[in-house]
Amino acid sequence: MNKVKVIGIDARSPSTGIRRYTQEVVNEILKLDSVYKYVIFLLPEDFEKLKFESSNVKKVLADFKWYSLKEQIGMPRLIRKEKIDLMHFPHFNVPVLYRKKFIVTIHDLILTKFPSVRATTLNPIIYKFKNLAYKFIVKSALKRAEKIIAVSEFTKNDIIEQFGIKKEKIEVTYEGVSKNLASPQPSLSQGEGEKNQDDKEVLFRYNIHKPFFFYTGNAYPHKNLEGLVKIYSKVKEKYKDLSLVFVGKEDYFYKRLKEQTNEEIIFTGFVTDEELTVLYKNALFYIFPSMYEGFGLPPLEAMANGCPVLSSNKSCMPEILGDAVLYFNPENEGEMIEQIKRMVENENLRKDLIQKGYKQVKKYSWEECARKTLEIYSNEL
């Protein structure tokens, strides 16, 4: 009788985006598969929080922080102890000493594209050392992996160009939009911008008044929020009642951005998924000024909630968002201002983008992402 194969998934993640990716893929794979056994490695803060109903899954505590020496030594030992046949690392931080079969997911190569000391709180010398270590670990993971999962064709091409990996080794699996971050498509009789009492309470809580446009995500330099702040002051000269809202957990980068702005810009800090859907539904539009993305999930979440999107035309954005958004060059201030004006003044444009957005977002699902990932597991076992 053949032994049941065991697949390990490293679900330790301090990163919101990668955490969401890992949780969604794990949940959908467990719905699809009852053949393999799964061992999910978790940090202490997630160990009790995450519940799995499937009988073919085991949770294992892995109290090793990302990028630590403890991770490099402890993770390989723990994986060996669990007798894993194939390991999936949803991030590039694969322990250098791990020599068994594994698959790695690469979300982006931002640190090789934007190696700036402005993107860190570290001393410049320490940062330079860590950046060299990062490149070594990424290259090592890519060379040793049985298969590499890229979240877009753009990221796949980035991997090939920067590290010389053969294209046959890389599979593209698009991400999806979480069901709890999507709202049902309203009927055509519903007007743009309608809101109920609960919506009003959320907006009041954060001192948000209509009309407003907003961004959600982190405030790393490549996100180009400083550029958005700069042009907002010029937009405000014409649209005095138009508010700009930034949504994201307050950290060093948001604090730095806040110090450079005036009280007219609203910083909500962290919001729940329920509150975020309210913002999507009530915003005039969502703006995504990023210079570089591996996939770009927030614009799709906006589309799933009937929010028109104004996006940068850089990196993977045209690939992922198609013709369902209005684009601008984030390096051209005049173009950014002009496109914001179009979004503010043209209600028919916004309505058209909303309908296109609902169609575009249907192309992406976590179930399909998980199905393709499961196929990769099967091929490599």
Protein backbone atom coordinates (compact mmCIF):
# COMPACT_ATOMS: atom_id res chain seq x y z
CA MET A 1 0.00 0.00 0.00
CA ASN A 2 1.38 3.40 -1.01
CA LYS A 3 2.17 5.85 1.77
CA VAL A 4 0.03 9.02 1.75
CA LYS A 5 2.15 11.95 0.65
CA VAL A 6 2.58 14.83 3.11
CA ILE A 7 2.62 18.45 1.92
CA GLY A 8 3.91 21.18 4.23
CA ILE A 9 2.84 24.81 3.93
CA ASP A 10 4.72 27.60 5.70
CA ALA A 11 1.89 29.84 6.92
CA ARG A 12 4.05 32.07 9.16
CA SER A 13 3.63 35.58 7.88
CA PRO A 14 3.81 39.10 9.35
CA SER A 15 2.88 40.48 5.91
CA THR A 16 -0.84 41.22 5.41
CA GLY A 17 -0.79 40.46 1.68
CA ILE A 18 1.14 37.20 1.90
CA ARG A 19 -0.88 36.14 4.94
CA ARG A 20 -4.11 36.62 2.97
CA TYR A 21 -2.66 34.71 0.00
CA THR A 22 -1.58 31.79 2.21
CA GLN A 23 -4.83 31.57 4.15
CA GLU A 24 -7.00 31.71 1.04
CA VAL A 25 -4.92 29.11 -0.84
CA VAL A 26 -4.84 26.75 2.17
CA ASN A 27 -8.59 27.04 2.77
CA GLU A 28 -9.46 26.38 -0.88
CA ILE A 29 -6.98 23.49 -1.27
CA LEU A 30 -8.46 21.74 1.77
CA LYS A 31 -11.91 22.00 0.15
CA LEU A 32 -10.60 20.52 -3.10
CA ASP A 33 -8.32 17.73 -1.88
CA SER A 34 -8.72 14.72 0.38
CA VAL A 35 -5.86 12.64 -1.07
CA TYR A 36 -2.80 14.25 0.51
CA LYS A 37 -2.05 15.07 4.13
CA TYR A 38 -1.19 18.68 4.99
CA VAL A 39 0.99 20.12 7.73
CA ILE A 40 0.47 23.86 8.27
CA PHE A 41 3.30 25.66 10.08
CA LEU A 42 2.01 28.62 12.12
CA LEU A 43 3.22 31.43 14.37
CA PRO A 44 1.92 31.44 17.99
CA GLU A 45 -0.49 34.33 17.35
CA ASP A 46 -2.24 32.34 14.60
CA PHE A 47 -2.09 28.85 16.08
CA GLU A 48 -5.36 28.99 18.06
CA LYS A 49 -7.00 31.53 15.78
CA LEU A 50 -6.97 29.38 12.66
CA LYS A 51 -9.32 26.39 12.66
CA PHE A 52 -9.34 23.66 10.02
CA GLU A 53 -12.27 21.25 9.78
CA SER A 54 -10.54 18.79 7.42
CA SER A 55 -9.24 15.57 8.94
CA ASN A 56 -6.22 15.55 6.60
CA VAL A 57 -4.61 18.65 8.11
CA LYS A 58 -2.28 19.10 11.08
CA LYS A 59 -1.23 22.39 12.67
CA VAL A 60 2.36 22.72 13.87
CA LEU A 61 3.70 25.58 15.97
CA ALA A 62 6.69 27.24 14.27
CA ASP A 63 7.82 30.09 16.51
CA PHE A 64 10.49 31.43 14.15
CA LYS A 65 10.42 35.03 12.98
CA TRP A 66 10.99 35.81 9.31
CA TYR A 67 14.61 36.52 8.28
CA SER A 68 16.02 35.32 11.60
CA LEU A 69 18.90 32.95 12.36
CA LYS A 70 16.42 30.92 14.38
CA GLU A 71 14.33 30.48 11.22
CA GLN A 72 17.35 29.35 9.19
CA ILE A 73 18.23 26.65 11.74
CA GLY A 74 14.88 25.75 13.31
CA MET A 75 12.57 25.48 10.28
CA PRO A 76 14.57 22.75 8.47
CA ARG A 77 14.67 20.67 11.66
CA LEU A 78 10.95 21.06 12.24
CA ILE A 79 10.09 20.20 8.63
CA ARG A 80 12.27 17.07 8.75
CA LYS A 81 10.57 16.04 12.00
CA GLU A 82 7.16 16.16 10.28
CA LYS A 83 8.43 13.95 7.41
CA ILE A 84 7.30 16.37 4.69
CA ASP A 85 7.43 15.06 1.10
CA LEU A 86 6.93 18.46 -0.54
CA MET A 87 7.18 21.87 1.12
CA HIS A 88 5.49 25.05 -0.10
CA PHE A 89 7.05 28.36 0.95
CA PRO A 90 4.65 31.21 0.02
CA HIS A 91 7.53 33.70 0.32
CA PHE A 92 11.17 33.74 -0.76
CA ASN A 93 12.55 33.22 2.77
CA VAL A 94 13.39 29.55 2.24
CA PRO A 95 16.02 28.42 4.79
CA VAL A 96 19.38 28.12 3.02
CA LEU A 97 20.07 24.83 4.84
CA TYR A 98 16.82 23.22 3.64
CA ARG A 99 17.68 20.64 1.00
CA LYS A 100 14.45 18.66 0.47
CA LYS A 101 11.87 19.19 -2.30
CA PHE A 102 10.03 22.51 -2.18
CA ILE A 103 7.98 24.99 -4.17
CA VAL A 104 8.28 28.76 -3.64
CA THR A 105 5.84 31.56 -4.45
CA ILE A 106 7.33 34.89 -5.54
CA HIS A 107 4.93 37.82 -5.21
CA ASP A 108 7.31 40.50 -6.45
CA LEU A 109 10.94 41.56 -6.57
CA ILE A 110 10.44 45.01 -5.06
CA LEU A 111 13.63 44.93 -3.00
CA THR A 112 15.75 44.47 -6.12
CA LYS A 113 13.84 47.19 -7.98
CA PHE A 114 13.74 49.75 -5.15
CA PRO A 115 16.88 49.15 -3.02
CA SER A 116 16.60 52.54 -1.32
CA VAL A 117 17.46 53.37 2.28
CA ARG A 118 14.22 55.39 2.30
CA ALA A 119 12.40 52.06 2.21
CA THR A 120 13.74 51.00 5.60
CA THR A 121 14.17 52.14 9.19
CA LEU A 122 17.62 50.52 9.36
CA ASN A 123 21.05 52.14 9.46
CA PRO A 124 22.27 52.50 5.80
CA ILE A 125 25.22 50.14 6.30
CA ILE A 126 23.05 47.49 7.97
CA TYR A 127 20.42 47.94 5.26
CA LYS A 128 23.01 47.43 2.50
CA PHE A 129 24.16 44.20 4.17
CA LYS A 130 20.58 42.98 4.56
CA ASN A 131 19.84 43.81 0.93
CA LEU A 132 22.78 41.69 -0.22
CA ALA A 133 21.58 38.87 2.05
CA TYR A 134 18.08 39.23 0.56
CA LYS A 135 19.39 38.84 -2.99
CA PHE A 136 21.43 35.79 -1.97
CA ILE A 137 18.44 34.11 -0.29
CA VAL A 138 16.10 34.85 -3.22
CA LYS A 139 18.60 33.51 -5.76
CA SER A 140 19.24 30.43 -3.62
CA ALA A 141 15.49 29.74 -3.28
CA LEU A 142 14.86 30.17 -7.01
CA LYS A 143 17.75 27.89 -8.01
CA ARG A 144 16.85 25.10 -5.54
CA ALA A 145 13.05 25.10 -5.97
CA GLU A 146 11.37 22.28 -7.90
CA LYS A 147 8.89 24.83 -9.20
CA ILE A 148 8.36 28.58 -8.81
CA ILE A 149 4.91 30.09 -8.58
CA ALA A 150 4.63 33.69 -9.82
CA VAL A 151 1.47 35.72 -9.19
CA SER A 152 1.56 37.42 -12.62
CA GLU A 153 3.25 37.20 -16.01
CA PHE A 154 4.99 40.45 -15.09
CA THR A 155 6.55 38.84 -12.01
CA LYS A 156 7.48 35.74 -14.03
CA ASN A 157 9.33 37.92 -16.54
CA ASP A 158 11.01 39.82 -13.70
CA ILE A 159 12.33 36.54 -12.27
CA ILE A 160 13.64 35.42 -15.66
CA GLU A 161 15.34 38.77 -16.40
CA GLN A 162 16.90 39.31 -12.98
CA PHE A 163 17.94 35.77 -12.06
CA GLY A 164 18.20 33.91 -15.37
CA ILE A 165 15.66 31.25 -14.39
CA LYS A 166 14.27 29.13 -17.24
CA LYS A 167 10.66 30.04 -18.03
CA GLU A 168 9.60 26.37 -17.93
CA LYS A 169 10.34 26.32 -14.20
CA ILE A 170 7.83 29.09 -13.46
CA GLU A 171 4.04 28.73 -13.27
CA VAL A 172 1.72 31.73 -13.07
CA THR A 173 -1.24 31.48 -10.67
CA TYR A 174 -3.28 34.66 -10.35
CA GLU A 175 -4.61 35.62 -6.94
CA GLY A 176 -8.30 36.13 -6.16
CA VAL A 177 -10.56 38.44 -4.20
CA SER A 178 -11.67 37.31 -0.75
CA LYS A 179 -15.42 36.72 -0.47
CA ASN A 180 -15.62 38.82 2.70
CA LEU A 181 -14.18 41.78 0.76
CA ALA A 182 -16.74 41.68 -2.04
CA SER A 183 -20.27 43.12 -2.15
CA PRO A 184 -23.14 41.87 -4.32
CA GLN A 185 -23.50 43.73 -7.60
CA PRO A 186 -26.38 46.22 -7.18
CA SER A 187 -29.25 46.42 -9.62
CA LEU A 188 -29.13 49.10 -12.30
CA SER A 189 -31.92 50.97 -10.48
CA GLN A 190 -29.63 51.71 -7.53
CA GLY A 191 -27.94 55.09 -7.76
CA GLU A 192 -24.24 55.72 -7.44
CA GLY A 193 -23.19 56.57 -3.92
CA GLU A 194 -26.29 55.35 -2.04
CA LYS A 195 -25.51 54.42 1.54
CA ASN A 196 -27.38 53.01 4.53
CA GLN A 197 -27.27 54.00 8.19
CA ASP A 198 -24.41 51.59 9.01
CA ASP A 199 -22.34 53.14 6.22
CA LYS A 200 -22.99 56.62 7.62
CA GLU A 201 -21.78 55.52 11.06
CA VAL A 202 -18.51 54.15 9.65
CA LEU A 203 -17.87 57.32 7.65
CA PHE A 204 -18.70 59.48 10.69
CA ARG A 205 -16.34 57.40 12.86
CA TYR A 206 -13.41 58.31 10.62
CA ASN A 207 -14.55 61.88 9.98
CA ILE A 208 -14.98 61.16 6.26
CA HIS A 209 -17.33 63.38 4.31
CA LYS A 210 -18.35 63.00 0.70
CA PRO A 211 -17.02 63.36 -1.89
CA PHE A 212 -13.79 61.47 -1.22
CA PHE A 213 -11.30 59.24 -3.01
CA PHE A 214 -8.95 56.91 -1.20
CA TYR A 215 -6.03 54.50 -1.13
CA THR A 216 -5.62 51.43 1.05
CA GLY A 217 -2.39 49.51 1.60
CA ASN A 218 1.04 50.18 3.04
CA ALA A 219 3.02 53.40 2.63
CA TYR A 220 6.35 52.08 1.36
CA PRO A 221 8.13 54.53 -0.97
CA HIS A 222 7.37 52.55 -4.14
CA LYS A 223 3.65 53.04 -3.45
CA ASN A 224 4.19 56.70 -4.46
CA LEU A 225 1.93 58.18 -1.79
CA GLU A 226 4.19 61.22 -1.47
CA GLY A 227 3.59 61.90 -5.17
CA LEU A 228 -0.16 61.61 -4.59
CA VAL A 229 -0.02 64.02 -1.64
CA LYS A 230 1.88 66.53 -3.76
CA ILE A 231 -0.65 66.58 -6.59
CA TYR A 232 -3.64 66.48 -4.20
CA SER A 233 -2.77 69.99 -2.99
CA LYS A 234 -3.12 71.16 -6.60
CA VAL A 235 -6.36 69.23 -7.18
CA LYS A 236 -7.76 70.73 -3.99
CA GLU A 237 -7.48 74.23 -5.48
CA LYS A 238 -10.31 73.37 -7.89
CA TYR A 239 -12.30 70.84 -5.81
CA LYS A 240 -12.31 72.36 -2.34
CA ASP A 241 -14.70 69.80 -0.84
CA LEU A 242 -12.88 66.73 -2.23
CA SER A 243 -11.22 64.64 0.50
CA LEU A 244 -8.30 62.24 0.19
CA VAL A 245 -8.29 59.27 2.57
CA PHE A 246 -5.39 56.94 3.38
CA VAL A 247 -6.28 53.57 4.90
CA GLY A 248 -3.54 51.47 6.49
CA LYS A 249 -2.09 50.47 9.83
CA GLU A 250 0.02 53.28 11.22
CA ASP A 251 3.71 52.39 11.04
CA TYR A 252 6.98 54.24 10.48
CA PHE A 253 6.17 54.95 6.81
CA TYR A 254 2.64 56.24 7.46
CA LYS A 255 3.92 58.41 10.32
CA ARG A 256 6.56 59.86 8.02
CA LEU A 257 3.92 60.56 5.36
CA LYS A 258 1.62 62.14 7.94
CA GLU A 259 4.35 64.57 8.98
CA GLN A 260 4.56 65.81 5.39
CA THR A 261 0.83 66.49 5.01
CA ASN A 262 -1.74 68.90 6.36
CA GLU A 263 -4.91 68.19 8.30
CA GLU A 264 -7.00 68.08 5.13
CA ILE A 265 -5.84 64.51 4.38
CA ILE A 266 -7.54 61.83 6.48
CA PHE A 267 -5.54 58.91 7.90
CA THR A 268 -7.86 56.21 9.26
CA GLY A 269 -5.21 53.79 10.51
CA PHE A 270 -6.22 50.13 10.53
CA VAL A 271 -9.82 49.35 9.51
CA THR A 272 -11.72 46.05 9.58
CA ASP A 273 -12.71 44.25 6.37
CA GLU A 274 -16.32 45.32 7.00
CA GLU A 275 -15.32 48.97 7.32
CA LEU A 276 -13.13 48.72 4.23
CA THR A 277 -16.07 47.53 2.12
CA VAL A 278 -18.02 50.57 3.30
CA LEU A 279 -15.24 52.85 2.07
CA TYR A 280 -15.12 51.07 -1.28
CA LYS A 281 -18.88 51.41 -1.72
CA ASN A 282 -19.02 55.08 -0.81
CA ALA A 283 -15.87 56.49 -2.36
CA LEU A 284 -16.06 58.56 -5.49
CA PHE A 285 -13.21 56.37 -6.73
CA TYR A 286 -10.22 54.34 -5.58
CA ILE A 287 -6.70 55.48 -6.55
CA PHE A 288 -3.62 53.28 -6.90
CA PRO A 289 -0.50 55.39 -7.63
CA SER A 290 2.08 52.62 -7.18
CA MET A 291 5.32 52.53 -9.16
CA TYR A 292 5.69 48.76 -8.84
CA GLU A 293 3.47 45.77 -7.97
CA GLY A 294 3.70 42.03 -8.40
CA PHE A 295 -0.07 41.59 -8.62
CA GLY A 296 -2.01 44.51 -7.13
CA LEU A 297 -4.98 43.18 -5.15
CA PRO A 298 -6.60 46.38 -3.76
CA PRO A 299 -7.84 47.68 -7.16
CA LEU A 300 -9.58 44.32 -7.72
CA GLU A 301 -11.14 44.53 -4.25
CA ALA A 302 -12.40 47.99 -5.18
CA MET A 303 -13.95 46.61 -8.39
CA ALA A 304 -15.61 43.79 -6.43
CA ASN A 305 -17.35 46.46 -4.34
CA GLY A 306 -18.54 48.61 -7.23
CA CYS A 307 -15.87 51.27 -6.79
CA PRO A 308 -14.37 52.81 -9.96
CA VAL A 309 -10.57 52.65 -10.12
CA LEU A 310 -7.93 55.15 -11.19
CA SER A 311 -4.59 53.34 -11.45
CA SER A 312 -0.93 53.72 -12.27
CA ASN A 313 0.00 52.15 -15.61
CA LYS A 314 3.26 50.69 -14.25
CA SER A 315 4.44 47.06 -13.83
CA CYS A 316 1.64 44.46 -13.75
CA MET A 317 -1.30 46.85 -13.61
CA PRO A 318 -2.41 46.68 -17.28
CA GLU A 319 -2.07 42.88 -17.20
CA ILE A 320 -4.24 42.46 -14.11
CA LEU A 321 -6.74 45.31 -14.45
CA GLY A 322 -7.26 45.26 -18.23
CA ASP A 323 -9.55 47.97 -19.61
CA ALA A 324 -11.63 48.19 -16.43
CA VAL A 325 -9.75 51.18 -14.98
CA LEU A 326 -8.61 54.66 -15.99
CA TYR A 327 -4.81 54.77 -16.14
CA PHE A 328 -2.18 57.45 -15.56
CA ASN A 329 1.58 57.65 -15.62
CA PRO A 330 2.61 58.15 -11.95
CA GLU A 331 5.78 59.93 -13.07
CA ASN A 332 3.74 62.62 -14.86
CA GLU A 333 2.12 65.03 -12.39
CA GLY A 334 0.08 66.79 -15.04
CA GLU A 335 -1.39 63.52 -16.29
CA MET A 336 -2.24 62.41 -12.75
CA ILE A 337 -4.08 65.67 -12.07
CA GLU A 338 -5.94 65.52 -15.39
CA GLN A 339 -7.13 61.95 -14.80
CA ILE A 340 -8.30 62.78 -11.28
CA LYS A 341 -10.31 65.67 -12.72
CA ARG A 342 -11.90 63.30 -15.25
CA MET A 343 -12.91 60.90 -12.49
CA VAL A 344 -14.37 63.68 -10.35
CA GLU A 345 -16.35 65.38 -13.12
CA ASN A 346 -17.49 62.48 -15.31
CA GLU A 347 -20.21 60.43 -13.62
CA ASN A 348 -20.83 58.37 -16.78
CA LEU A 349 -17.13 57.42 -16.84
CA ARG A 350 -17.36 56.23 -13.24
CA LYS A 351 -20.50 54.19 -13.96
CA ASP A 352 -18.87 52.62 -17.00
CA LEU A 353 -15.77 51.67 -14.98
CA ILE A 354 -17.95 50.15 -12.25
CA GLN A 355 -19.65 47.83 -14.76
CA LYS A 356 -16.33 46.92 -16.40
CA GLY A 357 -14.85 46.31 -12.96
CA TYR A 358 -17.51 43.78 -12.01
CA LYS A 359 -16.69 41.84 -15.20
CA GLN A 360 -12.92 42.09 -14.76
CA VAL A 361 -12.87 40.84 -11.19
CA LYS A 362 -14.72 37.65 -12.19
CA LYS A 363 -11.52 36.54 -13.96
CA TYR A 364 -9.82 35.99 -10.59
CA SER A 365 -10.74 33.51 -7.87
CA TRP A 366 -8.93 31.90 -4.97
CA GLU A 367 -10.53 28.58 -5.89
CA GLU A 368 -8.85 28.66 -9.31
CA CYS A 369 -5.57 29.76 -7.72
CA ALA A 370 -5.77 26.82 -5.32
CA ARG A 371 -6.69 24.39 -8.12
CA LYS A 372 -3.59 25.34 -10.12
CA THR A 373 -1.43 25.19 -6.99
CA LEU A 374 -2.75 21.69 -6.22
CA GLU A 375 -1.88 20.62 -9.78
CA ILE A 376 1.68 21.82 -9.20
CA TYR A 377 1.86 19.82 -5.94
CA SER A 378 0.65 16.67 -7.73
CA ASN A 379 3.14 17.09 -10.59
CA GLU A 380 6.08 17.45 -8.19
CA LEU A 381 5.23 14.58 -5.82
